Amino acid sequence: MNQSNTFWRVALLALPLSVFALIIIWPLLSSFYYGFTNWNGFSDTYDFVGFENFGKLFSDRLFMSAAINTIIWMAIAVVLPTVLGLSLALLIDSHVPGGPIFKTIFYLPICLSAVVVGQVWVWIYQPDWGLLNSIIEYVTNDRFNYAWLAKPDSALYSVIVAWSWQATGLSMVIYLAGLTAIPGDLLEVCELEGATTWQRIRHVILPLLTPATVVVVALSVINSLKGFDILYIMTGGGPFNSSDTLAMHMYNESFKKYLMGYGSAISVVLFLVALTIIRLYFKQLKKVDEIYG
C-alpha cells in the first residue's frame, strides 16, 4: 500500500515539477552561467570572462542610476500603497455608506494588467488633453500642458504613482482581512473608556495590524522589483534613462544592446537583492508569529 502511494505521488508530481524546472530553474541557472560570459544572445560561440561583467557594474553610470531609481521606487512603493491601503481599509471598515461598492471600485485596478494600467495613465498624463492637466487647468483657470512622462524630473515619480494606484487595492484587502481579526469587544471597551478615534487607531488597531503590515510591506517591495511592464509601457526607461530601474536596465542591455552576458549579470544582482528581501521577510514574519501567535 505504501509503495503504491509513493508511486502515485511521484507520478503526479513529475509533470508539474518538470515544468517548473524547465521554465524557472533552468533559466535561473542559465542566467548565472551567462553572467560570466560575453555572450551576445545569438552567437554559438562566446568566451568565459569571469567576474568582468560584475566588475563592470560598479563603473557603469547607467547601472548606478538604475540602482538609485530602484531604491527610490521601493521606498515610495512601500509608503504610498501602505498608507493609502490602510486609510481606505479603515474608512470602509467604519461602515461608511456604500462600503462594499467602494471596496470593489478600489480593488478593481489590481485586476487589470499592468499594460492596461500603463495605457490609462499615459492618457491621464497626456500634456495637451490629459485628465490631470485638464483638472489643473480647470482649478487654476490657466493654460497648463506639462509633459509629465517626458521630463526627467517627473517621469519616474509619475510611473510610481501609476504603479501605486494599482497596488493600493491589494494593500486595502490585506488590511481589511486584518481588521476583521480584531475583536469588536476590545474596540467597544476602548470607546467606553473614552478613547478617541485616533487613540483607538494608534494604540489598539495599528499594533494589532502588525502582521498585515509586514505582509503589505514585503509584497510592495518584492513587486516593486518586478516593476518592468508598466515602466516599459509608460516611459521605456526614458527620457534619457531618467526612469531606468534595474529590471529595465537589464532588458535594455540584453535585448537592445545584445549584451546578454552583461544583462545576465544584472539579473543575478536583481535576483540576489530579491532573495535577501524575501529572506528578511520570512525572518520578520517568524518574529511576528511568535509575538502574536
Protein backbone atom coordinates (compact mmCIF):
# COMPACT_ATOMS: atom_id res chain seq x y z
CA MET A 1 0.00 0.00 0.00
CA ASN A 2 2.83 2.40 0.88
CA GLN A 3 4.66 1.56 -2.34
CA SER A 4 1.51 2.31 -4.33
CA ASN A 5 1.07 5.69 -2.62
CA THR A 6 4.70 6.57 -3.29
CA PHE A 7 4.32 5.67 -6.96
CA TRP A 8 1.26 7.90 -7.42
CA ARG A 9 2.89 10.76 -5.55
CA VAL A 10 5.92 10.61 -7.82
CA ALA A 11 3.76 10.18 -10.92
CA LEU A 12 1.52 13.14 -10.10
CA LEU A 13 4.40 15.43 -9.11
CA ALA A 14 6.66 14.51 -12.02
CA LEU A 15 4.93 16.69 -14.64
CA PRO A 16 4.46 19.91 -12.61
CA LEU A 17 7.99 19.65 -11.19
CA SER A 18 9.37 19.09 -14.69
CA VAL A 19 7.56 22.17 -15.99
CA PHE A 20 8.76 24.21 -13.00
CA ALA A 21 12.35 23.09 -13.57
CA LEU A 22 12.09 23.88 -17.28
CA ILE A 23 10.63 27.40 -17.07
CA ILE A 24 12.04 28.55 -13.69
CA ILE A 25 15.11 26.64 -12.51
CA TRP A 26 16.81 26.21 -15.90
CA PRO A 27 16.56 29.90 -16.95
CA LEU A 28 17.73 30.92 -13.47
CA LEU A 29 20.81 28.71 -13.64
CA SER A 30 21.43 29.84 -17.22
CA SER A 31 21.43 33.48 -16.10
CA PHE A 32 24.09 32.71 -13.51
CA TYR A 33 26.17 30.92 -16.12
CA TYR A 34 25.87 33.53 -18.88
CA GLY A 35 26.67 36.26 -16.37
CA PHE A 36 30.25 35.02 -16.51
CA THR A 37 30.42 35.15 -20.32
CA ASN A 38 30.37 37.74 -23.11
CA TRP A 39 27.51 36.04 -24.99
CA ASN A 40 25.52 38.34 -27.27
CA GLY A 41 22.36 36.24 -27.24
CA PHE A 42 22.72 34.87 -30.77
CA SER A 43 26.21 33.57 -31.42
CA ASP A 44 27.06 29.91 -30.88
CA THR A 45 30.45 30.90 -29.55
CA TYR A 46 31.29 33.06 -26.55
CA ASP A 47 34.13 33.47 -24.10
CA PHE A 48 34.23 32.96 -20.36
CA VAL A 49 35.15 36.34 -18.83
CA GLY A 50 34.93 35.51 -15.14
CA PHE A 51 33.79 38.39 -12.93
CA GLU A 52 34.36 41.02 -15.61
CA ASN A 53 30.64 41.69 -16.09
CA PHE A 54 30.09 42.05 -12.35
CA GLY A 55 33.08 44.34 -12.01
CA LYS A 56 31.72 46.49 -14.82
CA LEU A 57 28.54 47.13 -12.85
CA PHE A 58 30.26 49.46 -10.39
CA SER A 59 31.76 51.60 -13.15
CA ASP A 60 28.56 51.71 -15.22
CA ARG A 61 26.91 55.09 -14.72
CA LEU A 62 23.59 53.83 -16.09
CA PHE A 63 23.62 50.86 -13.71
CA MET A 64 24.25 53.09 -10.70
CA SER A 65 21.48 55.44 -11.83
CA ALA A 66 19.11 52.48 -12.28
CA ALA A 67 20.05 51.18 -8.82
CA ILE A 68 19.25 54.56 -7.24
CA ASN A 69 15.94 54.72 -9.12
CA THR A 70 15.11 51.21 -7.92
CA ILE A 71 15.75 52.25 -4.30
CA ILE A 72 13.53 55.33 -4.78
CA TRP A 73 10.84 53.13 -6.36
CA MET A 74 10.97 50.65 -3.45
CA ALA A 75 10.81 53.42 -0.83
CA ILE A 76 7.80 55.14 -2.37
CA ALA A 77 6.21 51.77 -3.22
CA VAL A 78 6.26 50.93 0.48
CA VAL A 79 4.84 54.25 1.70
CA LEU A 80 2.08 55.01 -0.83
CA PRO A 81 0.23 51.65 -1.09
CA THR A 82 0.65 51.04 2.64
CA VAL A 83 -0.71 54.40 3.79
CA LEU A 84 -3.45 54.58 1.15
CA GLY A 85 -4.45 50.93 1.61
CA LEU A 86 -4.65 51.33 5.39
CA SER A 87 -6.64 54.55 5.11
CA LEU A 88 -9.15 53.01 2.71
CA ALA A 89 -9.45 49.88 4.85
CA LEU A 90 -10.16 51.93 7.99
CA LEU A 91 -12.69 54.03 6.09
CA ILE A 92 -14.55 51.04 4.68
CA ASP A 93 -14.40 49.16 7.99
CA SER A 94 -16.08 52.13 9.70
CA HIS A 95 -19.28 51.09 7.89
CA VAL A 96 -19.35 54.11 5.63
CA PRO A 97 -22.44 54.09 3.35
CA GLY A 98 -21.72 52.20 0.13
CA GLY A 99 -18.68 50.47 1.66
CA PRO A 100 -18.93 47.26 -0.42
CA ILE A 101 -19.24 49.30 -3.62
CA PHE A 102 -16.21 51.41 -2.76
CA LYS A 103 -14.26 48.27 -1.86
CA THR A 104 -14.98 46.83 -5.29
CA ILE A 105 -14.03 50.07 -7.04
CA PHE A 106 -10.75 50.43 -5.13
CA TYR A 107 -9.84 46.79 -5.70
CA LEU A 108 -10.64 46.84 -9.42
CA PRO A 109 -7.21 48.20 -10.59
CA ILE A 110 -5.38 45.16 -9.22
CA CYS A 111 -7.49 43.01 -11.58
CA LEU A 112 -6.17 44.90 -14.60
CA SER A 113 -2.92 44.05 -16.34
CA ALA A 114 -0.01 46.44 -15.95
CA VAL A 115 -0.20 47.14 -19.69
CA VAL A 116 -3.78 48.39 -19.37
CA VAL A 117 -2.92 50.44 -16.29
CA GLY A 118 0.06 51.93 -18.10
CA GLN A 119 -2.05 52.96 -21.10
CA VAL A 120 -4.70 54.50 -18.83
CA TRP A 121 -2.11 56.61 -17.03
CA VAL A 122 -0.41 57.60 -20.28
CA TRP A 123 -3.76 59.14 -21.21
CA ILE A 124 -4.09 60.77 -17.78
CA TYR A 125 -0.62 62.34 -18.14
CA GLN A 126 -1.12 63.43 -21.76
CA PRO A 127 0.16 67.04 -21.96
CA ASP A 128 -2.50 68.65 -24.16
CA TRP A 129 -5.77 66.97 -23.25
CA GLY A 130 -4.90 64.53 -20.44
CA LEU A 131 -7.13 64.26 -17.37
CA LEU A 132 -4.53 65.54 -14.89
CA ASN A 133 -3.60 68.67 -16.83
CA SER A 134 -7.26 69.32 -17.62
CA ILE A 135 -8.10 69.27 -13.89
CA ILE A 136 -5.19 71.60 -13.12
CA GLU A 137 -6.33 73.96 -15.89
CA TYR A 138 -9.86 73.96 -14.52
CA VAL A 139 -8.71 74.71 -10.96
CA THR A 140 -6.12 77.36 -11.86
CA ASN A 141 -8.07 78.76 -14.83
CA ASP A 142 -4.76 78.93 -16.72
CA ARG A 143 -3.23 77.00 -19.59
CA PHE A 144 -1.25 74.00 -18.31
CA ASN A 145 0.39 71.43 -20.60
CA TYR A 146 3.20 69.92 -18.54
CA ALA A 147 4.63 66.72 -20.10
CA TRP A 148 4.81 64.51 -17.01
CA LEU A 149 6.34 61.50 -18.77
CA ALA A 150 8.73 63.47 -20.99
CA LYS A 151 10.52 65.38 -18.23
CA PRO A 152 13.47 63.73 -16.45
CA ASP A 153 12.43 65.33 -13.15
CA SER A 154 8.94 63.83 -13.11
CA ALA A 155 8.96 60.70 -15.31
CA LEU A 156 9.99 58.20 -12.64
CA TYR A 157 7.65 59.59 -9.99
CA SER A 158 4.74 59.68 -12.45
CA VAL A 159 5.18 55.97 -13.17
CA ILE A 160 5.49 55.16 -9.46
CA VAL A 161 2.18 56.94 -8.79
CA ALA A 162 0.51 54.84 -11.51
CA TRP A 163 2.01 51.65 -10.08
CA SER A 164 0.95 52.58 -6.55
CA TRP A 165 -2.59 53.29 -7.77
CA GLN A 166 -2.80 49.70 -8.93
CA ALA A 167 -1.09 48.21 -5.85
CA THR A 168 -3.24 50.07 -3.29
CA GLY A 169 -6.21 47.73 -3.80
CA LEU A 170 -4.23 44.69 -2.69
CA SER A 171 -2.96 46.51 0.41
CA MET A 172 -6.52 47.54 1.24
CA VAL A 173 -7.81 43.97 1.07
CA ILE A 174 -4.97 42.65 3.28
CA TYR A 175 -5.67 45.34 5.87
CA LEU A 176 -9.42 44.63 5.74
CA ALA A 177 -8.66 40.98 6.47
CA GLY A 178 -6.52 42.09 9.41
CA LEU A 179 -9.26 44.37 10.73
CA THR A 180 -11.78 41.52 10.79
CA ALA A 181 -9.45 39.65 13.19
CA ILE A 182 -9.55 42.48 15.75
CA PRO A 183 -12.15 41.67 18.47
CA GLY A 184 -15.05 44.10 18.36
CA ASP A 185 -15.39 43.89 22.16
CA LEU A 186 -11.90 45.34 22.55
CA LEU A 187 -12.79 48.41 20.49
CA GLU A 188 -16.05 48.83 22.39
CA VAL A 189 -14.17 48.81 25.72
CA CYS A 190 -11.80 51.47 24.38
CA GLU A 191 -14.77 53.59 23.35
CA LEU A 192 -16.40 53.18 26.77
CA GLU A 193 -13.14 54.24 28.41
CA GLY A 194 -13.29 57.49 26.49
CA ALA A 195 -10.62 56.77 23.86
CA THR A 196 -10.88 58.95 20.77
CA THR A 197 -10.90 57.51 17.26
CA TRP A 198 -7.26 58.45 16.74
CA GLN A 199 -6.28 56.88 20.09
CA ARG A 200 -8.04 53.64 19.18
CA ILE A 201 -6.27 53.55 15.84
CA ARG A 202 -2.84 54.43 17.25
CA HIS A 203 -2.79 52.31 20.41
CA VAL A 204 -5.03 49.37 19.51
CA ILE A 205 -5.66 48.90 15.80
CA LEU A 206 -2.20 49.65 14.38
CA PRO A 207 -0.32 47.34 16.79
CA LEU A 208 -2.77 44.52 16.08
CA LEU A 209 -2.34 45.12 12.34
CA THR A 210 1.43 44.50 12.51
CA PRO A 211 1.20 41.06 10.81
CA ALA A 212 -0.82 42.59 7.96
CA THR A 213 1.65 45.46 7.68
CA VAL A 214 4.58 43.05 7.40
CA VAL A 215 2.82 41.27 4.51
CA VAL A 216 1.89 44.54 2.77
CA VAL A 217 5.39 46.00 3.03
CA ALA A 218 7.07 42.79 1.86
CA LEU A 219 4.74 42.36 -1.11
CA SER A 220 5.18 46.04 -2.06
CA VAL A 221 8.97 45.77 -2.04
CA ILE A 222 9.07 42.46 -3.91
CA ASN A 223 6.54 43.60 -6.52
CA SER A 224 8.40 46.89 -6.99
CA LEU A 225 11.48 44.94 -8.04
CA LYS A 226 9.37 43.43 -10.82
CA GLY A 227 8.08 46.82 -11.95
CA PHE A 228 9.05 46.41 -15.59
CA ASP A 229 5.89 46.10 -17.66
CA ILE A 230 4.23 49.35 -16.59
CA LEU A 231 7.53 51.20 -16.89
CA TYR A 232 8.10 49.78 -20.37
CA ILE A 233 4.65 50.93 -21.49
CA MET A 234 4.79 54.42 -19.99
CA THR A 235 8.39 55.61 -20.50
CA GLY A 236 10.59 52.73 -21.62
CA GLY A 237 13.13 53.94 -19.08
CA GLY A 238 13.34 57.43 -20.55
CA PRO A 239 13.70 60.24 -21.06
CA PHE A 240 17.49 59.97 -21.07
CA ASN A 241 17.35 56.88 -18.82
CA SER A 242 15.91 59.04 -16.02
CA SER A 243 13.28 56.40 -15.14
CA ASP A 244 15.51 53.35 -15.61
CA THR A 245 15.28 50.68 -12.92
CA LEU A 246 17.42 47.56 -12.61
CA ALA A 247 14.78 45.49 -14.41
CA MET A 248 14.55 47.98 -17.28
CA HIS A 249 18.33 48.38 -17.46
CA MET A 250 18.70 44.60 -17.64
CA TYR A 251 16.23 44.48 -20.53
CA ASN A 252 17.97 47.29 -22.43
CA GLU A 253 21.40 45.75 -22.07
CA SER A 254 20.22 42.25 -23.01
CA PHE A 255 17.74 42.84 -25.81
CA LYS A 256 18.60 46.27 -27.21
CA LYS A 257 22.37 46.29 -26.96
CA TYR A 258 22.66 42.48 -27.29
CA LEU A 259 24.98 42.26 -24.26
CA MET A 260 23.29 39.15 -22.93
CA GLY A 261 26.21 38.27 -20.66
CA TYR A 262 26.18 41.69 -19.02
CA GLY A 263 22.40 41.69 -18.82
CA SER A 264 22.54 38.29 -17.12
CA ALA A 265 24.94 39.72 -14.55
CA ILE A 266 22.42 42.48 -13.80
CA SER A 267 19.68 39.87 -13.44
CA VAL A 268 21.83 37.94 -10.96
CA VAL A 269 22.23 41.08 -8.84
CA LEU A 270 18.48 41.70 -9.01
CA PHE A 271 17.81 38.10 -8.01
CA LEU A 272 20.16 38.29 -5.03
CA VAL A 273 18.52 41.54 -3.87
CA ALA A 274 15.08 39.94 -4.12
CA LEU A 275 16.31 36.81 -2.34
CA THR A 276 17.72 38.90 0.52
CA ILE A 277 14.45 40.81 0.89
CA ILE A 278 12.42 37.59 0.86
CA ARG A 279 14.70 36.09 3.49
CA LEU A 280 14.28 39.16 5.72
CA TYR A 281 10.52 38.97 5.16
CA PHE A 282 10.26 35.36 6.35
CA LYS A 283 12.53 36.15 9.30
CA GLN A 284 10.34 39.08 10.31
CA LEU A 285 7.18 37.03 9.72
CA LYS A 286 8.51 34.37 12.08
CA LYS A 287 9.05 37.01 14.77
CA VAL A 288 5.52 38.33 14.26
CA ASP A 289 4.10 34.79 14.57
CA GLU A 290 5.99 34.30 17.82
CA ILE A 291 4.64 37.56 19.23
CA TYR A 292 1.03 37.39 18.02
CA GLY A 293 0.75 33.61 17.84
